[in-house]
Amino acid sequence: MGDLNSKKIGNLDSPKLPYDYLTREVGTVPLDQNRPPFQWVSEVAYKNIHRIVARGYDTTELVEEGYGLVDILFVDFQARIPTIEEEQMLNYIMILSLEDGLSMPAALARIVAKSKTHLTQACGASILAFGHAYGGYAAFGNRLSQYLERARQEGKSLGEMATELVRAHHRDDALGVSDLMLKDPAAQRLLARAEKLGVTGEHVAFMREIVKAAQQLSTTAVDLDMLGATGAVMADLGFTPEATWTIIAVTRSFGAGAHFIEEVEREGFTRLGETLTSPEDYDGPPDRPVPPLAERQQHAVPAHAESLAQWKALFEERKKLPASGFALVEEIDDPRNPKKAH
């Protein structure tokens, strides 16, 4: 290999370095016995050749005893065995969530399938469809909890706090109230099922007040939607917004797997370069000649502005250009750290 220390590279021989780089140890360095080696430590589960244990429960024994998948979700996320009514409610929610037709998760799974990928890749892609608008359970749930806490601290009723929430977030995609379910009774049925099973609490009660406030303040017809119904009931079942997001998104990926298989069976694969688009589907600038490089400066348009007024005018003009990003308004709060003042 030659002398590894004979070649000086850049400023690696600088005396400002905390150690002499050129005479550093090369190859395998003995472990520092004064520092514990890194290893994963989990409170959720462990596994050996004899058993898998989740939150203290042997999973084989749980299954042999008759507990099901839904029960294990409570064990994993909440370290408890649920009541029969809670198990039935989560089962109800997961069945409703598993299939949603050709919505975005299925569409993403089908697009990925066209590239001749593994089914697991397509199912993973389907989960990426869940954001702060489509299935925004984290944003919805964290805001619900935040306003409930404010109601307790400020001594306000659920109705008063619901009105404040709606006034501040009536345009938010994750409000839980919209015009999506005006003719579809699924959201109302979900709440009715939860009430029948006796598993509702303050989150469902608050959600009903939010619906009332939204209907009073909105100039168009709105009602409870599936995000609001599912998110509120999951919270009353004891799941955090993040856990809810995970459970619903992964449940949806089961259905996306079926869409992957159907896409492959019925439509086949798409090769690189195979997909063509016609000029009829293009509405950008018309075809134009490429200027000679020698005339570049005559055609080039600089990005900088000479004054604030010119910058403002350029900015407004650039907002008219699709796919430039100038017209985007980013107002997504980090759901892990919601703003305290509204």
C-alpha atoms as a PDB file:
ATOM      1  CA  MET A   1       0.000   0.000   0.000  1.00  0.00           C
ATOM      2  CA  GLY A   2       2.972   2.305   0.413  1.00  0.00           C
ATOM      3  CA  ASP A   3       3.487   4.977   3.034  1.00  0.00           C
ATOM      4  CA  LEU A   4       0.034   6.300   3.959  1.00  0.00           C
ATOM      5  CA  ASN A   5       1.518   9.284   5.757  1.00  0.00           C
ATOM      6  CA  SER A   6       3.876  10.517   3.052  1.00  0.00           C
ATOM      7  CA  LYS A   7       1.329  12.520   1.052  1.00  0.00           C
ATOM      8  CA  LYS A   8       0.103  15.847   2.305  1.00  0.00           C
ATOM      9  CA  ILE A   9      -3.469  16.697   1.262  1.00  0.00           C
ATOM     10  CA  GLY A  10      -4.850  20.204   1.451  1.00  0.00           C
ATOM     11  CA  ASN A  11      -4.612  21.662   4.961  1.00  0.00           C
ATOM     12  CA  LEU A  12      -4.630  18.333   6.760  1.00  0.00           C
ATOM     13  CA  ASP A  13      -1.166  19.125   8.166  1.00  0.00           C
ATOM     14  CA  SER A  14      -2.423  22.346   9.715  1.00  0.00           C
ATOM     15  CA  PRO A  15      -1.365  22.850  13.355  1.00  0.00           C
ATOM     16  CA  LYS A  16      -4.898  24.113  14.048  1.00  0.00           C
ATOM     17  CA  LEU A  17      -6.276  20.569  13.865  1.00  0.00           C
ATOM     18  CA  PRO A  18      -6.941  18.983  17.295  1.00  0.00           C
ATOM     19  CA  TYR A  19      -4.678  16.060  16.403  1.00  0.00           C
ATOM     20  CA  ASP A  20      -1.913  15.219  13.932  1.00  0.00           C
ATOM     21  CA  TYR A  21      -3.854  13.883  10.953  1.00  0.00           C
ATOM     22  CA  LEU A  22      -0.770  12.569   9.156  1.00  0.00           C
ATOM     23  CA  THR A  23       0.281  10.359  12.065  1.00  0.00           C
ATOM     24  CA  ARG A  24      -3.207   9.247  13.079  1.00  0.00           C
ATOM     25  CA  GLU A  25      -3.973   5.581  13.732  1.00  0.00           C
ATOM     26  CA  VAL A  26      -4.766   3.679  10.539  1.00  0.00           C
ATOM     27  CA  GLY A  27      -6.808   0.506  10.309  1.00  0.00           C
ATOM     28  CA  THR A  28      -8.677  -1.187  13.131  1.00  0.00           C
ATOM     29  CA  VAL A  29      -8.594   0.789  16.344  1.00  0.00           C
ATOM     30  CA  PRO A  30      -9.208  -1.080  19.631  1.00  0.00           C
ATOM     31  CA  LEU A  31     -12.515  -0.307  21.327  1.00  0.00           C
ATOM     32  CA  ASP A  32     -12.415   2.313  24.044  1.00  0.00           C
ATOM     33  CA  GLN A  33     -13.137   0.250  27.150  1.00  0.00           C
ATOM     34  CA  ASN A  34     -14.191   3.364  29.040  1.00  0.00           C
ATOM     35  CA  ARG A  35     -17.191   3.895  26.771  1.00  0.00           C
ATOM     36  CA  PRO A  36     -20.110   1.457  26.518  1.00  0.00           C
ATOM     37  CA  PRO A  37     -20.626   0.115  22.979  1.00  0.00           C
ATOM     38  CA  PHE A  38     -23.674   1.418  21.093  1.00  0.00           C
ATOM     39  CA  GLN A  39     -26.749  -0.783  21.100  1.00  0.00           C
ATOM     40  CA  TRP A  40     -30.468  -0.331  20.623  1.00  0.00           C
ATOM     41  CA  VAL A  41     -32.496  -0.219  23.817  1.00  0.00           C
ATOM     42  CA  SER A  42     -36.259  -0.608  23.412  1.00  0.00           C
ATOM     43  CA  GLU A  43     -39.172  -0.465  25.797  1.00  0.00           C
ATOM     44  CA  VAL A  44     -41.477  -1.753  23.063  1.00  0.00           C
ATOM     45  CA  ALA A  45     -40.222  -5.278  22.425  1.00  0.00           C
ATOM     46  CA  TYR A  46     -37.417  -7.827  22.435  1.00  0.00           C
ATOM     47  CA  LYS A  47     -36.838 -11.091  20.601  1.00  0.00           C
ATOM     48  CA  ASN A  48     -34.742 -14.203  21.157  1.00  0.00           C
ATOM     49  CA  ILE A  49     -34.782 -17.687  19.629  1.00  0.00           C
ATOM     50  CA  HIS A  50     -37.629 -18.727  21.923  1.00  0.00           C
ATOM     51  CA  ARG A  51     -40.062 -15.823  21.909  1.00  0.00           C
ATOM     52  CA  ILE A  52     -41.036 -12.310  20.867  1.00  0.00           C
ATOM     53  CA  VAL A  53     -42.135 -10.141  23.761  1.00  0.00           C
ATOM     54  CA  ALA A  54     -44.058  -6.880  23.269  1.00  0.00           C
ATOM     55  CA  ARG A  55     -44.492  -4.643  26.295  1.00  0.00           C
ATOM     56  CA  GLY A  56     -44.000  -7.691  28.531  1.00  0.00           C
ATOM     57  CA  TYR A  57     -46.479  -9.966  26.714  1.00  0.00           C
ATOM     58  CA  ASP A  58     -45.292 -13.047  24.826  1.00  0.00           C
ATOM     59  CA  THR A  59     -46.886 -12.501  21.396  1.00  0.00           C
ATOM     60  CA  THR A  60     -47.288 -16.225  20.752  1.00  0.00           C
ATOM     61  CA  GLU A  61     -49.188 -16.593  23.993  1.00  0.00           C
ATOM     62  CA  LEU A  62     -51.385 -13.626  23.085  1.00  0.00           C
ATOM     63  CA  VAL A  63     -52.312 -15.231  19.761  1.00  0.00           C
ATOM     64  CA  GLU A  64     -52.847 -18.669  21.296  1.00  0.00           C
ATOM     65  CA  GLU A  65     -55.110 -17.088  23.884  1.00  0.00           C
ATOM     66  CA  GLY A  66     -57.245 -15.621  21.117  1.00  0.00           C
ATOM     67  CA  TYR A  67     -56.103 -12.001  20.992  1.00  0.00           C
ATOM     68  CA  GLY A  68     -55.978 -10.453  17.515  1.00  0.00           C
ATOM     69  CA  LEU A  69     -54.068  -7.910  15.464  1.00  0.00           C
ATOM     70  CA  VAL A  70     -56.065  -4.969  16.816  1.00  0.00           C
ATOM     71  CA  ASP A  71     -55.270  -6.009  20.385  1.00  0.00           C
ATOM     72  CA  ILE A  72     -51.554  -6.029  19.619  1.00  0.00           C
ATOM     73  CA  LEU A  73     -51.762  -2.460  18.324  1.00  0.00           C
ATOM     74  CA  PHE A  74     -53.002  -1.366  21.731  1.00  0.00           C
ATOM     75  CA  VAL A  75     -50.206  -3.369  23.351  1.00  0.00           C
ATOM     76  CA  ASP A  76     -47.501  -1.885  21.121  1.00  0.00           C
ATOM     77  CA  PHE A  77     -48.643   1.756  21.214  1.00  0.00           C
ATOM     78  CA  GLN A  78     -50.236   1.930  24.677  1.00  0.00           C
ATOM     79  CA  ALA A  79     -48.766  -1.023  26.624  1.00  0.00           C
ATOM     80  CA  ARG A  80     -52.223  -2.303  27.567  1.00  0.00           C
ATOM     81  CA  ILE A  81     -54.831  -4.842  26.543  1.00  0.00           C
ATOM     82  CA  PRO A  82     -57.952  -3.010  25.339  1.00  0.00           C
ATOM     83  CA  THR A  83     -61.530  -3.596  26.373  1.00  0.00           C
ATOM     84  CA  ILE A  84     -63.762  -5.567  24.023  1.00  0.00           C
ATOM     85  CA  GLU A  85     -65.501  -2.337  23.014  1.00  0.00           C
ATOM     86  CA  GLU A  86     -62.194  -0.588  22.226  1.00  0.00           C
ATOM     87  CA  GLU A  87     -61.030  -3.566  20.183  1.00  0.00           C
ATOM     88  CA  GLN A  88     -64.285  -3.530  18.214  1.00  0.00           C
ATOM     89  CA  MET A  89     -64.020   0.210  17.579  1.00  0.00           C
ATOM     90  CA  LEU A  90     -60.465   0.101  16.256  1.00  0.00           C
ATOM     91  CA  ASN A  91     -61.389  -2.888  14.099  1.00  0.00           C
ATOM     92  CA  TYR A  92     -64.272  -0.833  12.683  1.00  0.00           C
ATOM     93  CA  ILE A  93     -61.957   2.088  11.894  1.00  0.00           C
ATOM     94  CA  MET A  94     -59.298  -0.076  10.263  1.00  0.00           C
ATOM     95  CA  ILE A  95     -61.845  -1.791   8.009  1.00  0.00           C
ATOM     96  CA  LEU A  96     -63.112   1.598   6.833  1.00  0.00           C
ATOM     97  CA  SER A  97     -59.529   2.774   6.303  1.00  0.00           C
ATOM     98  CA  LEU A  98     -58.197  -0.259   4.457  1.00  0.00           C
ATOM     99  CA  GLU A  99     -59.850   0.492   1.119  1.00  0.00           C
ATOM    100  CA  ASP A 100     -60.562   3.911  -0.387  1.00  0.00           C
ATOM    101  CA  GLY A 101     -60.865   3.144  -4.078  1.00  0.00           C
ATOM    102  CA  LEU A 102     -58.539   4.846  -6.538  1.00  0.00           C
ATOM    103  CA  SER A 103     -57.488   7.585  -4.134  1.00  0.00           C
ATOM    104  CA  MET A 104     -53.905   8.825  -3.826  1.00  0.00           C
ATOM    105  CA  PRO A 105     -52.409   5.860  -1.918  1.00  0.00           C
ATOM    106  CA  ALA A 106     -53.716   3.433  -4.549  1.00  0.00           C
ATOM    107  CA  ALA A 107     -52.648   5.761  -7.364  1.00  0.00           C
ATOM    108  CA  LEU A 108     -49.097   5.989  -6.012  1.00  0.00           C
ATOM    109  CA  ALA A 109     -48.908   2.222  -5.589  1.00  0.00           C
ATOM    110  CA  ARG A 110     -50.073   1.736  -9.177  1.00  0.00           C
ATOM    111  CA  ILE A 111     -47.558   4.258 -10.556  1.00  0.00           C
ATOM    112  CA  VAL A 112     -44.697   2.556  -8.720  1.00  0.00           C
ATOM    113  CA  ALA A 113     -45.954  -0.833  -9.944  1.00  0.00           C
ATOM    114  CA  LYS A 114     -45.549   0.332 -13.552  1.00  0.00           C
ATOM    115  CA  SER A 115     -41.755   0.371 -13.059  1.00  0.00           C
ATOM    116  CA  LYS A 116     -41.679  -3.375 -12.264  1.00  0.00           C
ATOM    117  CA  THR A 117     -40.817  -2.934  -8.616  1.00  0.00           C
ATOM    118  CA  HIS A 118     -41.419  -5.077  -5.564  1.00  0.00           C
ATOM    119  CA  LEU A 119     -44.877  -4.933  -4.022  1.00  0.00           C
ATOM    120  CA  THR A 120     -43.395  -3.686  -0.742  1.00  0.00           C
ATOM    121  CA  GLN A 121     -41.970  -0.645  -2.549  1.00  0.00           C
ATOM    122  CA  ALA A 122     -45.414   0.222  -3.885  1.00  0.00           C
ATOM    123  CA  CYS A 123     -47.012  -0.191  -0.462  1.00  0.00           C
ATOM    124  CA  GLY A 124     -44.341   2.074   0.989  1.00  0.00           C
ATOM    125  CA  ALA A 125     -45.094   4.653  -1.685  1.00  0.00           C
ATOM    126  CA  SER A 126     -48.789   4.550  -0.799  1.00  0.00           C
ATOM    127  CA  ILE A 127     -47.947   5.653   2.744  1.00  0.00           C
ATOM    128  CA  LEU A 128     -46.206   8.735   1.321  1.00  0.00           C
ATOM    129  CA  ALA A 129     -49.622   9.992   0.194  1.00  0.00           C
ATOM    130  CA  PHE A 130     -50.494  10.854   3.787  1.00  0.00           C
ATOM    131  CA  GLY A 131     -49.601  14.479   4.428  1.00  0.00           C
ATOM    132  CA  HIS A 132     -51.114  17.506   6.116  1.00  0.00           C
ATOM    133  CA  ALA A 133     -54.103  17.606   3.737  1.00  0.00           C
ATOM    134  CA  TYR A 134     -54.766  13.994   2.769  1.00  0.00           C
ATOM    135  CA  GLY A 135     -55.032  12.115   6.052  1.00  0.00           C
ATOM    136  CA  GLY A 136     -53.478  14.884   8.141  1.00  0.00           C
ATOM    137  CA  TYR A 137     -54.030  13.027  11.420  1.00  0.00           C
ATOM    138  CA  ALA A 138     -50.937  14.437  13.129  1.00  0.00           C
ATOM    139  CA  ALA A 139     -51.784  18.074  12.392  1.00  0.00           C
ATOM    140  CA  PHE A 140     -55.458  17.505  13.254  1.00  0.00           C
ATOM    141  CA  GLY A 141     -54.838  15.594  16.457  1.00  0.00           C
ATOM    142  CA  ASN A 142     -52.149  17.860  17.851  1.00  0.00           C
ATOM    143  CA  ARG A 143     -54.316  20.917  17.285  1.00  0.00           C
ATOM    144  CA  LEU A 144     -57.289  19.217  18.944  1.00  0.00           C
ATOM    145  CA  SER A 145     -55.199  18.402  22.010  1.00  0.00           C
ATOM    146  CA  GLN A 146     -53.690  21.872  22.077  1.00  0.00           C
ATOM    147  CA  TYR A 147     -57.075  23.589  22.154  1.00  0.00           C
ATOM    148  CA  LEU A 148     -58.459  21.162  24.720  1.00  0.00           C
ATOM    149  CA  GLU A 149     -55.529  22.027  26.980  1.00  0.00           C
ATOM    150  CA  ARG A 150     -56.196  25.724  26.424  1.00  0.00           C
ATOM    151  CA  ALA A 151     -59.833  25.220  27.375  1.00  0.00           C
ATOM    152  CA  ARG A 152     -58.761  23.669  30.676  1.00  0.00           C
ATOM    153  CA  GLN A 153     -56.181  26.353  31.414  1.00  0.00           C
ATOM    154  CA  GLU A 154     -58.409  29.288  30.458  1.00  0.00           C
ATOM    155  CA  GLY A 155     -61.578  27.888  32.005  1.00  0.00           C
ATOM    156  CA  LYS A 156     -63.527  28.023  28.748  1.00  0.00           C
ATOM    157  CA  SER A 157     -66.261  25.691  27.571  1.00  0.00           C
ATOM    158  CA  LEU A 158     -65.774  23.330  24.657  1.00  0.00           C
ATOM    159  CA  GLY A 159     -68.169  25.443  22.609  1.00  0.00           C
ATOM    160  CA  GLU A 160     -66.195  28.637  23.251  1.00  0.00           C
ATOM    161  CA  MET A 161     -62.887  27.012  22.425  1.00  0.00           C
ATOM    162  CA  ALA A 162     -64.357  25.355  19.317  1.00  0.00           C
ATOM    163  CA  THR A 163     -65.397  28.771  18.022  1.00  0.00           C
ATOM    164  CA  GLU A 164     -61.862  30.098  18.556  1.00  0.00           C
ATOM    165  CA  LEU A 165     -60.373  27.076  16.787  1.00  0.00           C
ATOM    166  CA  VAL A 166     -62.660  27.398  13.772  1.00  0.00           C
ATOM    167  CA  ARG A 167     -62.069  31.137  13.447  1.00  0.00           C
ATOM    168  CA  ALA A 168     -58.318  30.573  13.438  1.00  0.00           C
ATOM    169  CA  HIS A 169     -58.263  27.481  11.195  1.00  0.00           C
ATOM    170  CA  HIS A 170     -61.455  27.447   9.121  1.00  0.00           C
ATOM    171  CA  ARG A 171     -59.443  27.280   5.895  1.00  0.00           C
ATOM    172  CA  ASP A 172     -57.197  24.468   7.101  1.00  0.00           C
ATOM    173  CA  ASP A 173     -57.367  21.156   5.241  1.00  0.00           C
ATOM    174  CA  ALA A 174     -56.985  19.289   8.532  1.00  0.00           C
ATOM    175  CA  LEU A 175     -59.910  20.953  10.325  1.00  0.00           C
ATOM    176  CA  GLY A 176     -61.993  17.763  10.340  1.00  0.00           C
ATOM    177  CA  VAL A 177     -64.997  19.658   8.980  1.00  0.00           C
ATOM    178  CA  SER A 178     -65.549  20.176   5.255  1.00  0.00           C
ATOM    179  CA  ASP A 179     -68.003  19.719   2.401  1.00  0.00           C
ATOM    180  CA  LEU A 180     -66.681  16.221   1.614  1.00  0.00           C
ATOM    181  CA  MET A 181     -69.282  14.215   3.532  1.00  0.00           C
ATOM    182  CA  LEU A 182     -72.512  16.139   2.967  1.00  0.00           C
ATOM    183  CA  LYS A 183     -74.100  13.118   1.278  1.00  0.00           C
ATOM    184  CA  ASP A 184     -71.896  10.360   2.679  1.00  0.00           C
ATOM    185  CA  PRO A 185     -72.976   9.184   6.168  1.00  0.00           C
ATOM    186  CA  ALA A 186     -69.739   7.289   6.905  1.00  0.00           C
ATOM    187  CA  ALA A 187     -68.286   9.897   9.288  1.00  0.00           C
ATOM    188  CA  GLN A 188     -71.513  10.243  11.272  1.00  0.00           C
ATOM    189  CA  ARG A 189     -71.879   6.472  11.416  1.00  0.00           C
ATOM    190  CA  LEU A 190     -68.376   6.184  12.816  1.00  0.00           C
ATOM    191  CA  LEU A 191     -69.185   8.533  15.682  1.00  0.00           C
ATOM    192  CA  ALA A 192     -72.510   6.786  16.262  1.00  0.00           C
ATOM    193  CA  ARG A 193     -70.700   3.458  16.472  1.00  0.00           C
ATOM    194  CA  ALA A 194     -68.219   4.874  18.995  1.00  0.00           C
ATOM    195  CA  GLU A 195     -71.050   6.248  21.109  1.00  0.00           C
ATOM    196  CA  LYS A 196     -72.925   2.950  20.955  1.00  0.00           C
ATOM    197  CA  LEU A 197     -69.827   1.126  22.157  1.00  0.00           C
ATOM    198  CA  GLY A 198     -69.302   3.678  24.910  1.00  0.00           C
ATOM    199  CA  VAL A 199     -65.744   4.614  23.928  1.00  0.00           C
ATOM    200  CA  THR A 200     -66.200   8.341  23.283  1.00  0.00           C
ATOM    201  CA  GLY A 201     -64.725  11.043  25.495  1.00  0.00           C
ATOM    202  CA  GLU A 202     -63.692  14.671  25.424  1.00  0.00           C
ATOM    203  CA  HIS A 203     -62.208  14.538  21.919  1.00  0.00           C
ATOM    204  CA  VAL A 204     -65.463  13.410  20.275  1.00  0.00           C
ATOM    205  CA  ALA A 205     -67.418  15.909  22.387  1.00  0.00           C
ATOM    206  CA  PHE A 206     -65.046  18.677  21.294  1.00  0.00           C
ATOM    207  CA  MET A 207     -65.269  17.553  17.669  1.00  0.00           C
ATOM    208  CA  ARG A 208     -69.051  17.876  17.752  1.00  0.00           C
ATOM    209  CA  GLU A 209     -68.686  21.439  19.046  1.00  0.00           C
ATOM    210  CA  ILE A 210     -66.190  22.194  16.267  1.00  0.00           C
ATOM    211  CA  VAL A 211     -68.733  20.989  13.699  1.00  0.00           C
ATOM    212  CA  LYS A 212     -71.403  23.265  15.201  1.00  0.00           C
ATOM    213  CA  ALA A 213     -69.059  26.255  15.216  1.00  0.00           C
ATOM    214  CA  ALA A 214     -67.957  25.613  11.623  1.00  0.00           C
ATOM    215  CA  GLN A 215     -71.547  25.341  10.441  1.00  0.00           C
ATOM    216  CA  GLN A 216     -72.419  28.638  12.123  1.00  0.00           C
ATOM    217  CA  LEU A 217     -69.394  30.501  10.764  1.00  0.00           C
ATOM    218  CA  SER A 218     -69.250  28.993   7.259  1.00  0.00           C
ATOM    219  CA  THR A 219     -71.036  30.603   4.329  1.00  0.00           C
ATOM    220  CA  THR A 220     -71.371  27.197   2.643  1.00  0.00           C
ATOM    221  CA  ALA A 221     -72.647  23.819   3.806  1.00  0.00           C
ATOM    222  CA  VAL A 222     -70.082  21.827   5.842  1.00  0.00           C
ATOM    223  CA  ASP A 223     -70.191  18.814   8.123  1.00  0.00           C
ATOM    224  CA  LEU A 224     -68.011  16.301   9.916  1.00  0.00           C
ATOM    225  CA  ASP A 225     -65.607  14.476   7.588  1.00  0.00           C
ATOM    226  CA  MET A 226     -63.664  11.228   7.979  1.00  0.00           C
ATOM    227  CA  LEU A 227     -60.522  12.974   9.210  1.00  0.00           C
ATOM    228  CA  GLY A 228     -62.463  14.606  12.038  1.00  0.00           C
ATOM    229  CA  ALA A 229     -64.426  11.497  12.960  1.00  0.00           C
ATOM    230  CA  THR A 230     -61.504   9.081  12.815  1.00  0.00           C
ATOM    231  CA  GLY A 231     -59.031  11.424  14.497  1.00  0.00           C
ATOM    232  CA  ALA A 232     -61.366  12.255  17.380  1.00  0.00           C
ATOM    233  CA  VAL A 233     -62.345   8.637  18.066  1.00  0.00           C
ATOM    234  CA  MET A 234     -58.738   7.424  17.857  1.00  0.00           C
ATOM    235  CA  ALA A 235     -57.780  10.079  20.412  1.00  0.00           C
ATOM    236  CA  ASP A 236     -60.526   8.877  22.744  1.00  0.00           C
ATOM    237  CA  LEU A 237     -59.204   5.340  22.290  1.00  0.00           C
ATOM    238  CA  GLY A 238     -55.921   6.600  23.722  1.00  0.00           C
ATOM    239  CA  PHE A 239     -53.820   6.855  20.553  1.00  0.00           C
ATOM    240  CA  THR A 240     -51.583   9.857  19.974  1.00  0.00           C
ATOM    241  CA  PRO A 241     -51.899  11.763  16.678  1.00  0.00           C
ATOM    242  CA  GLU A 242     -48.648  10.189  15.463  1.00  0.00           C
ATOM    243  CA  ALA A 243     -49.818   6.682  16.346  1.00  0.00           C
ATOM    244  CA  THR A 244     -53.118   7.333  14.567  1.00  0.00           C
ATOM    245  CA  TRP A 245     -51.289   8.554  11.468  1.00  0.00           C
ATOM    246  CA  THR A 246     -49.171   5.410  11.485  1.00  0.00           C
ATOM    247  CA  ILE A 247     -52.014   2.941  12.006  1.00  0.00           C
ATOM    248  CA  ILE A 248     -54.303   4.458   9.353  1.00  0.00           C
ATOM    249  CA  ALA A 249     -51.563   4.892   6.736  1.00  0.00           C
ATOM    250  CA  VAL A 250     -50.217   1.356   7.150  1.00  0.00           C
ATOM    251  CA  THR A 251     -53.749  -0.070   7.133  1.00  0.00           C
ATOM    252  CA  ARG A 252     -54.362   1.724   3.835  1.00  0.00           C
ATOM    253  CA  SER A 253     -51.181   0.169   2.422  1.00  0.00           C
ATOM    254  CA  PHE A 254     -52.792  -3.290   2.688  1.00  0.00           C
ATOM    255  CA  GLY A 255     -55.421  -2.198   0.185  1.00  0.00           C
ATOM    256  CA  ALA A 256     -52.720  -0.546  -1.922  1.00  0.00           C
ATOM    257  CA  GLY A 257     -51.065  -3.934  -2.248  1.00  0.00           C
ATOM    258  CA  ALA A 258     -54.153  -5.265  -4.009  1.00  0.00           C
ATOM    259  CA  HIS A 259     -54.077  -2.280  -6.359  1.00  0.00           C
ATOM    260  CA  PHE A 260     -50.409  -3.028  -7.123  1.00  0.00           C
ATOM    261  CA  ILE A 261     -51.241  -6.598  -8.082  1.00  0.00           C
ATOM    262  CA  GLU A 262     -54.181  -5.569 -10.251  1.00  0.00           C
ATOM    263  CA  GLU A 263     -52.085  -2.939 -12.027  1.00  0.00           C
ATOM    264  CA  VAL A 264     -49.414  -5.488 -12.898  1.00  0.00           C
ATOM    265  CA  GLU A 265     -51.943  -8.102 -13.994  1.00  0.00           C
ATOM    266  CA  ARG A 266     -54.119  -5.798 -16.110  1.00  0.00           C
ATOM    267  CA  GLU A 267     -51.811  -3.058 -17.348  1.00  0.00           C
ATOM    268  CA  GLY A 268     -48.250  -4.390 -17.380  1.00  0.00           C
ATOM    269  CA  PHE A 269     -45.067  -2.353 -17.025  1.00  0.00           C
ATOM    270  CA  THR A 270     -43.728   0.901 -18.474  1.00  0.00           C
ATOM    271  CA  ARG A 271     -40.154   1.152 -19.758  1.00  0.00           C
ATOM    272  CA  LEU A 272     -37.878   4.171 -19.545  1.00  0.00           C
ATOM    273  CA  GLY A 273     -38.631   6.444 -22.503  1.00  0.00           C
ATOM    274  CA  GLU A 274     -41.890   4.716 -23.356  1.00  0.00           C
ATOM    275  CA  THR A 275     -44.262   7.391 -22.055  1.00  0.00           C
ATOM    276  CA  LEU A 276     -44.881  10.166 -24.561  1.00  0.00           C
ATOM    277  CA  THR A 277     -46.861  13.392 -24.231  1.00  0.00           C
ATOM    278  CA  SER A 278     -48.388  15.333 -27.100  1.00  0.00           C
ATOM    279  CA  PRO A 279     -48.175  19.097 -27.697  1.00  0.00           C
ATOM    280  CA  GLU A 280     -51.942  19.197 -27.090  1.00  0.00           C
ATOM    281  CA  ASP A 281     -51.252  18.418 -23.421  1.00  0.00           C
ATOM    282  CA  TYR A 282     -48.694  21.229 -23.118  1.00  0.00           C
ATOM    283  CA  ASP A 283     -49.700  24.823 -22.354  1.00  0.00           C
ATOM    284  CA  GLY A 284     -46.308  26.431 -21.755  1.00  0.00           C
ATOM    285  CA  PRO A 285     -44.463  28.900 -24.023  1.00  0.00           C
ATOM    286  CA  PRO A 286     -44.734  28.086 -27.734  1.00  0.00           C
ATOM    287  CA  ASP A 287     -41.837  26.449 -29.555  1.00  0.00           C
ATOM    288  CA  ARG A 288     -39.031  28.967 -30.027  1.00  0.00           C
ATOM    289  CA  PRO A 289     -35.581  28.894 -31.634  1.00  0.00           C
ATOM    290  CA  VAL A 290     -32.517  28.429 -29.443  1.00  0.00           C
ATOM    291  CA  PRO A 291     -30.404  31.611 -29.734  1.00  0.00           C
ATOM    292  CA  PRO A 292     -26.760  31.242 -30.791  1.00  0.00           C
ATOM    293  CA  LEU A 293     -24.435  31.168 -27.813  1.00  0.00           C
ATOM    294  CA  ALA A 294     -22.674  34.253 -29.143  1.00  0.00           C
ATOM    295  CA  GLU A 295     -25.955  36.184 -28.792  1.00  0.00           C
ATOM    296  CA  ARG A 296     -26.650  34.885 -25.296  1.00  0.00           C
ATOM    297  CA  GLN A 297     -26.464  38.278 -23.580  1.00  0.00           C
ATOM    298  CA  GLN A 298     -29.060  39.721 -25.979  1.00  0.00           C
ATOM    299  CA  HIS A 299     -31.614  37.123 -24.874  1.00  0.00           C
ATOM    300  CA  ALA A 300     -30.622  36.535 -21.239  1.00  0.00           C
ATOM    301  CA  VAL A 301     -32.940  37.885 -18.519  1.00  0.00           C
ATOM    302  CA  PRO A 302     -31.205  38.665 -15.205  1.00  0.00           C
ATOM    303  CA  ALA A 303     -32.807  37.551 -11.947  1.00  0.00           C
ATOM    304  CA  HIS A 304     -31.748  40.496  -9.784  1.00  0.00           C
ATOM    305  CA  ALA A 305     -33.640  43.760  -9.365  1.00  0.00           C
ATOM    306  CA  GLU A 306     -32.297  47.301  -9.059  1.00  0.00           C
ATOM    307  CA  SER A 307     -34.918  48.515  -6.583  1.00  0.00           C
ATOM    308  CA  LEU A 308     -37.497  47.237  -4.144  1.00  0.00           C
ATOM    309  CA  ALA A 309     -40.312  48.331  -6.454  1.00  0.00           C
ATOM    310  CA  GLN A 310     -38.737  46.459  -9.367  1.00  0.00           C
ATOM    311  CA  TRP A 311     -38.260  43.374  -7.174  1.00  0.00           C
ATOM    312  CA  LYS A 312     -41.923  43.465  -6.195  1.00  0.00           C
ATOM    313  CA  ALA A 313     -43.007  43.779  -9.810  1.00  0.00           C
ATOM    314  CA  LEU A 314     -40.736  40.906 -10.856  1.00  0.00           C
ATOM    315  CA  PHE A 315     -42.001  38.777  -7.991  1.00  0.00           C
ATOM    316  CA  GLU A 316     -45.640  39.305  -8.962  1.00  0.00           C
ATOM    317  CA  GLU A 317     -44.795  38.468 -12.573  1.00  0.00           C
ATOM    318  CA  ARG A 318     -42.918  35.325 -11.560  1.00  0.00           C
ATOM    319  CA  LYS A 319     -45.931  34.139  -9.574  1.00  0.00           C
ATOM    320  CA  LYS A 320     -47.713  33.748 -12.913  1.00  0.00           C
ATOM    321  CA  LEU A 321     -45.135  31.175 -14.059  1.00  0.00           C
ATOM    322  CA  PRO A 322     -46.378  27.632 -13.216  1.00  0.00           C
ATOM    323  CA  ALA A 323     -43.906  25.237 -11.583  1.00  0.00           C
ATOM    324  CA  SER A 324     -41.606  28.078 -10.482  1.00  0.00           C
ATOM    325  CA  GLY A 325     -42.735  27.894  -6.866  1.00  0.00           C
ATOM    326  CA  PHE A 326     -43.263  31.647  -6.513  1.00  0.00           C
ATOM    327  CA  ALA A 327     -47.026  31.237  -6.079  1.00  0.00           C
ATOM    328  CA  LEU A 328     -46.701  28.675  -3.287  1.00  0.00           C
ATOM    329  CA  VAL A 329     -47.639  29.779   0.215  1.00  0.00           C
ATOM    330  CA  GLU A 330     -46.019  27.548   2.827  1.00  0.00           C
ATOM    331  CA  GLU A 331     -48.038  27.640   6.030  1.00  0.00           C
ATOM    332  CA  ILE A 332     -47.521  24.126   7.379  1.00  0.00           C
ATOM    333  CA  ASP A 333     -46.806  24.165  11.093  1.00  0.00           C
ATOM    334  CA  ASP A 334     -44.637  21.429  12.511  1.00  0.00           C
ATOM    335  CA  PRO A 335     -47.289  19.209  14.166  1.00  0.00           C
ATOM    336  CA  ARG A 336     -44.745  18.197  16.801  1.00  0.00           C
ATOM    337  CA  ASN A 337     -44.422  21.806  17.971  1.00  0.00           C
ATOM    338  CA  PRO A 338     -47.697  23.658  17.278  1.00  0.00           C
ATOM    339  CA  LYS A 339     -47.812  27.388  17.729  1.00  0.00           C
ATOM    340  CA  LYS A 340     -49.101  28.441  21.119  1.00  0.00           C
ATOM    341  CA  ALA A 341     -50.684  31.720  20.118  1.00  0.00           C
ATOM    342  CA  HIS A 342     -53.410  32.022  17.484  1.00  0.00           C
END
